[in-house]
Amino acid sequence: MTVDLITTRDFEARTGKPVRVQPKPKQNKSQETTKMLLHEELSRARIRDLITEQEAQRPWRRARAARRWSRVARWAASRAERYQPPN
């Protein structure tokens, strides 16, 4: 038994009916995309919550930093007076 290789065009020309391959419908991956977007939105919401909490603590942090720097400034002034050479 021998097999002749023919192209699609030759087969269509011999039989008279075109053989067309039907494209497969695309798989809908919207569910995966939706899940991914949901996780992204949840992470953005968490970030927004953290930012609002930090903004609420900002005045307290500034006051604490001011007290700390005033202590450092008093210490530096007393040290400068202690080690100042006599005139």
N, C-alpha and C. Protein backbone atom coordinates (compact mmCIF):
# COMPACT_ATOMS: atom_id res chain seq x y z
N MET A 1 0.83 -1.16 0.00
CA MET A 1 0.00 0.00 0.00
C MET A 1 0.89 1.23 0.00
N THR A 2 0.59 2.15 -0.84
CA THR A 2 1.35 3.39 -0.91
C THR A 2 0.44 4.55 -0.55
N VAL A 3 1.03 5.52 -0.01
CA VAL A 3 0.29 6.70 0.41
C VAL A 3 0.84 7.88 -0.35
N ASP A 4 -0.03 8.61 -1.03
CA ASP A 4 0.39 9.82 -1.72
C ASP A 4 0.14 11.01 -0.81
N LEU A 5 1.17 11.78 -0.66
CA LEU A 5 1.01 12.98 0.15
C LEU A 5 0.43 14.08 -0.74
N ILE A 6 -0.64 14.66 -0.28
CA ILE A 6 -1.23 15.76 -1.03
C ILE A 6 -1.49 16.92 -0.07
N THR A 7 -1.51 18.08 -0.64
CA THR A 7 -1.77 19.26 0.17
C THR A 7 -3.27 19.47 0.32
N THR A 8 -3.63 20.38 1.17
CA THR A 8 -5.03 20.69 1.37
C THR A 8 -5.65 21.26 0.10
N ARG A 9 -4.90 22.04 -0.61
CA ARG A 9 -5.40 22.62 -1.86
C ARG A 9 -5.68 21.53 -2.89
N ASP A 10 -4.76 20.56 -2.96
CA ASP A 10 -4.97 19.45 -3.92
C ASP A 10 -6.22 18.65 -3.53
N PHE A 11 -6.41 18.38 -2.25
CA PHE A 11 -7.57 17.63 -1.80
C PHE A 11 -8.86 18.39 -2.13
N GLU A 12 -8.85 19.70 -1.87
CA GLU A 12 -10.04 20.50 -2.18
C GLU A 12 -10.31 20.52 -3.68
N ALA A 13 -9.24 20.58 -4.47
CA ALA A 13 -9.43 20.59 -5.92
C ALA A 13 -9.99 19.26 -6.41
N ARG A 14 -9.58 18.14 -5.83
CA ARG A 14 -10.05 16.82 -6.26
C ARG A 14 -11.49 16.55 -5.82
N THR A 15 -11.80 16.90 -4.57
CA THR A 15 -13.12 16.55 -4.05
C THR A 15 -14.16 17.63 -4.31
N GLY A 16 -13.74 18.85 -4.46
CA GLY A 16 -14.67 19.93 -4.71
C GLY A 16 -15.26 20.54 -3.46
N LYS A 17 -15.01 19.98 -2.31
CA LYS A 17 -15.52 20.59 -1.09
C LYS A 17 -14.35 21.04 -0.22
N PRO A 18 -14.42 22.26 0.20
CA PRO A 18 -13.32 22.77 1.00
C PRO A 18 -13.37 22.20 2.42
N VAL A 19 -12.20 21.90 2.94
CA VAL A 19 -12.07 21.42 4.31
C VAL A 19 -11.49 22.57 5.11
N ARG A 20 -12.30 23.09 5.93
CA ARG A 20 -11.85 24.22 6.77
C ARG A 20 -11.86 23.77 8.22
N VAL A 21 -10.82 24.11 8.87
CA VAL A 21 -10.71 23.79 10.29
C VAL A 21 -11.42 24.89 11.05
N GLN A 22 -12.33 24.47 11.88
CA GLN A 22 -13.05 25.44 12.70
C GLN A 22 -12.16 25.87 13.87
N PRO A 23 -12.03 27.13 14.08
CA PRO A 23 -11.20 27.56 15.21
C PRO A 23 -11.87 27.18 16.54
N LYS A 24 -11.04 26.80 17.46
CA LYS A 24 -11.56 26.46 18.78
C LYS A 24 -11.94 27.74 19.51
N PRO A 25 -13.01 27.70 20.22
CA PRO A 25 -13.37 28.91 20.98
C PRO A 25 -12.32 29.18 22.04
N LYS A 26 -12.04 30.45 22.25
CA LYS A 26 -11.04 30.80 23.25
C LYS A 26 -11.57 30.48 24.64
N GLN A 27 -10.67 29.99 25.44
CA GLN A 27 -11.07 29.69 26.81
C GLN A 27 -11.18 30.99 27.58
N ASN A 28 -12.22 31.11 28.31
CA ASN A 28 -12.44 32.31 29.09
C ASN A 28 -11.73 32.18 30.42
N LYS A 29 -10.75 33.02 30.62
CA LYS A 29 -9.99 32.98 31.86
C LYS A 29 -10.39 34.14 32.76
N SER A 30 -11.59 34.61 32.59
CA SER A 30 -12.01 35.77 33.36
C SER A 30 -12.09 35.46 34.85
N GLN A 31 -12.37 34.22 35.19
CA GLN A 31 -12.46 33.87 36.60
C GLN A 31 -11.09 34.02 37.26
N GLU A 32 -10.05 33.56 36.59
CA GLU A 32 -8.70 33.71 37.14
C GLU A 32 -8.32 35.18 37.21
N THR A 33 -8.65 35.93 36.18
CA THR A 33 -8.34 37.35 36.17
C THR A 33 -9.09 38.05 37.29
N THR A 34 -10.34 37.68 37.48
CA THR A 34 -11.13 38.28 38.55
C THR A 34 -10.51 37.98 39.91
N LYS A 35 -10.08 36.75 40.10
CA LYS A 35 -9.44 36.40 41.37
C LYS A 35 -8.18 37.21 41.57
N MET A 36 -7.38 37.35 40.52
CA MET A 36 -6.15 38.10 40.63
C MET A 36 -6.45 39.56 40.95
N LEU A 37 -7.45 40.14 40.27
CA LEU A 37 -7.80 41.52 40.52
C LEU A 37 -8.33 41.69 41.94
N LEU A 38 -9.05 40.72 42.43
CA LEU A 38 -9.57 40.78 43.79
C LEU A 38 -8.43 40.83 44.79
N HIS A 39 -7.41 39.98 44.60
CA HIS A 39 -6.25 39.99 45.50
C HIS A 39 -5.52 41.33 45.43
N GLU A 40 -5.38 41.88 44.21
CA GLU A 40 -4.72 43.17 44.07
C GLU A 40 -5.50 44.25 44.80
N GLU A 41 -6.81 44.22 44.65
CA GLU A 41 -7.65 45.24 45.30
C GLU A 41 -7.59 45.11 46.82
N LEU A 42 -7.56 43.87 47.31
CA LEU A 42 -7.42 43.67 48.76
C LEU A 42 -6.08 44.19 49.28
N SER A 43 -5.02 43.95 48.53
CA SER A 43 -3.72 44.45 48.97
C SER A 43 -3.68 45.97 48.92
N ARG A 44 -4.30 46.58 47.93
CA ARG A 44 -4.36 48.04 47.88
C ARG A 44 -5.16 48.59 49.06
N ALA A 45 -6.24 47.91 49.42
CA ALA A 45 -7.04 48.35 50.57
C ALA A 45 -6.22 48.27 51.85
N ARG A 46 -5.44 47.20 52.00
CA ARG A 46 -4.58 47.08 53.19
C ARG A 46 -3.56 48.21 53.23
N ILE A 47 -2.97 48.52 52.08
CA ILE A 47 -1.99 49.60 52.03
C ILE A 47 -2.64 50.92 52.40
N ARG A 48 -3.85 51.17 51.88
CA ARG A 48 -4.55 52.42 52.22
C ARG A 48 -4.82 52.48 53.73
N ASP A 49 -5.21 51.37 54.33
CA ASP A 49 -5.46 51.34 55.77
C ASP A 49 -4.18 51.64 56.55
N LEU A 50 -3.06 51.06 56.13
CA LEU A 50 -1.79 51.32 56.81
C LEU A 50 -1.40 52.79 56.70
N ILE A 51 -1.62 53.38 55.53
CA ILE A 51 -1.27 54.78 55.33
C ILE A 51 -2.12 55.68 56.22
N THR A 52 -3.42 55.40 56.31
CA THR A 52 -4.27 56.23 57.18
C THR A 52 -3.88 56.08 58.64
N GLU A 53 -3.50 54.88 59.09
CA GLU A 53 -3.04 54.70 60.47
C GLU A 53 -1.76 55.47 60.72
N GLN A 54 -0.84 55.45 59.76
CA GLN A 54 0.41 56.18 59.94
C GLN A 54 0.18 57.68 59.96
N GLU A 55 -0.75 58.17 59.13
CA GLU A 55 -1.05 59.60 59.14
C GLU A 55 -1.67 60.02 60.46
N ALA A 56 -2.43 59.13 61.09
CA ALA A 56 -3.01 59.45 62.39
C ALA A 56 -1.93 59.54 63.47
N GLN A 57 -0.86 58.77 63.33
CA GLN A 57 0.21 58.78 64.32
C GLN A 57 1.27 59.85 64.05
N ARG A 58 1.18 60.52 62.92
CA ARG A 58 2.22 61.47 62.53
C ARG A 58 2.41 62.61 63.53
N PRO A 59 1.35 63.28 64.03
CA PRO A 59 1.59 64.36 65.00
C PRO A 59 2.28 63.87 66.27
N TRP A 60 1.91 62.68 66.74
CA TRP A 60 2.54 62.12 67.93
C TRP A 60 4.03 61.89 67.68
N ARG A 61 4.35 61.37 66.49
CA ARG A 61 5.76 61.12 66.17
C ARG A 61 6.54 62.42 66.07
N ARG A 62 5.93 63.46 65.49
CA ARG A 62 6.62 64.74 65.38
C ARG A 62 6.89 65.34 66.76
N ALA A 63 5.92 65.24 67.66
CA ALA A 63 6.11 65.76 69.01
C ALA A 63 7.22 65.00 69.72
N ARG A 64 7.24 63.69 69.56
CA ARG A 64 8.28 62.88 70.19
C ARG A 64 9.66 63.24 69.62
N ALA A 65 9.73 63.42 68.31
CA ALA A 65 11.01 63.80 67.69
C ALA A 65 11.46 65.17 68.18
N ALA A 66 10.51 66.10 68.35
CA ALA A 66 10.87 67.43 68.85
C ALA A 66 11.43 67.35 70.26
N ARG A 67 10.80 66.55 71.13
CA ARG A 67 11.32 66.37 72.49
C ARG A 67 12.71 65.75 72.48
N ARG A 68 12.90 64.76 71.62
CA ARG A 68 14.21 64.10 71.54
C ARG A 68 15.29 65.08 71.08
N TRP A 69 15.00 65.87 70.04
CA TRP A 69 15.98 66.82 69.55
C TRP A 69 16.25 67.93 70.55
N SER A 70 15.24 68.32 71.32
CA SER A 70 15.48 69.35 72.34
C SER A 70 16.41 68.79 73.44
N ARG A 71 16.23 67.51 73.80
CA ARG A 71 17.14 66.89 74.77
C ARG A 71 18.56 66.84 74.21
N VAL A 72 18.70 66.48 72.95
CA VAL A 72 20.03 66.41 72.34
C VAL A 72 20.66 67.80 72.30
N ALA A 73 19.85 68.82 72.01
CA ALA A 73 20.37 70.19 71.94
C ALA A 73 20.82 70.65 73.32
N ARG A 74 20.06 70.34 74.40
CA ARG A 74 20.47 70.70 75.76
C ARG A 74 21.76 70.00 76.14
N TRP A 75 21.85 68.70 75.78
CA TRP A 75 23.07 67.95 76.09
C TRP A 75 24.28 68.55 75.37
N ALA A 76 24.10 68.90 74.09
CA ALA A 76 25.21 69.48 73.31
C ALA A 76 25.61 70.84 73.88
N ALA A 77 24.64 71.64 74.31
CA ALA A 77 24.95 72.95 74.87
C ALA A 77 25.72 72.81 76.18
N SER A 78 25.27 71.88 77.04
CA SER A 78 25.98 71.70 78.31
C SER A 78 27.38 71.15 78.08
N ARG A 79 27.53 70.30 77.14
CA ARG A 79 28.86 69.75 76.82
C ARG A 79 29.77 70.84 76.26
N ALA A 80 29.22 71.71 75.42
CA ALA A 80 30.02 72.79 74.86
C ALA A 80 30.46 73.75 75.96
N GLU A 81 29.57 74.03 76.95
CA GLU A 81 29.95 74.91 78.05
C GLU A 81 31.03 74.26 78.91
N ARG A 82 30.91 72.97 79.13
CA ARG A 82 31.87 72.26 79.98
C ARG A 82 33.27 72.25 79.37
N TYR A 83 33.36 72.05 78.05
CA TYR A 83 34.66 71.92 77.39
C TYR A 83 35.10 73.21 76.70
N GLN A 84 34.46 74.33 77.04
CA GLN A 84 34.88 75.59 76.42
C GLN A 84 36.18 76.04 77.09
N PRO A 85 37.15 76.46 76.29
CA PRO A 85 38.42 76.87 76.90
C PRO A 85 38.24 78.19 77.70
N PRO A 86 38.94 78.32 78.82
CA PRO A 86 38.82 79.54 79.63
C PRO A 86 39.42 80.74 78.89
N ASN A 87 38.80 81.90 79.06
CA ASN A 87 39.32 83.14 78.42
C ASN A 87 40.21 83.90 79.34
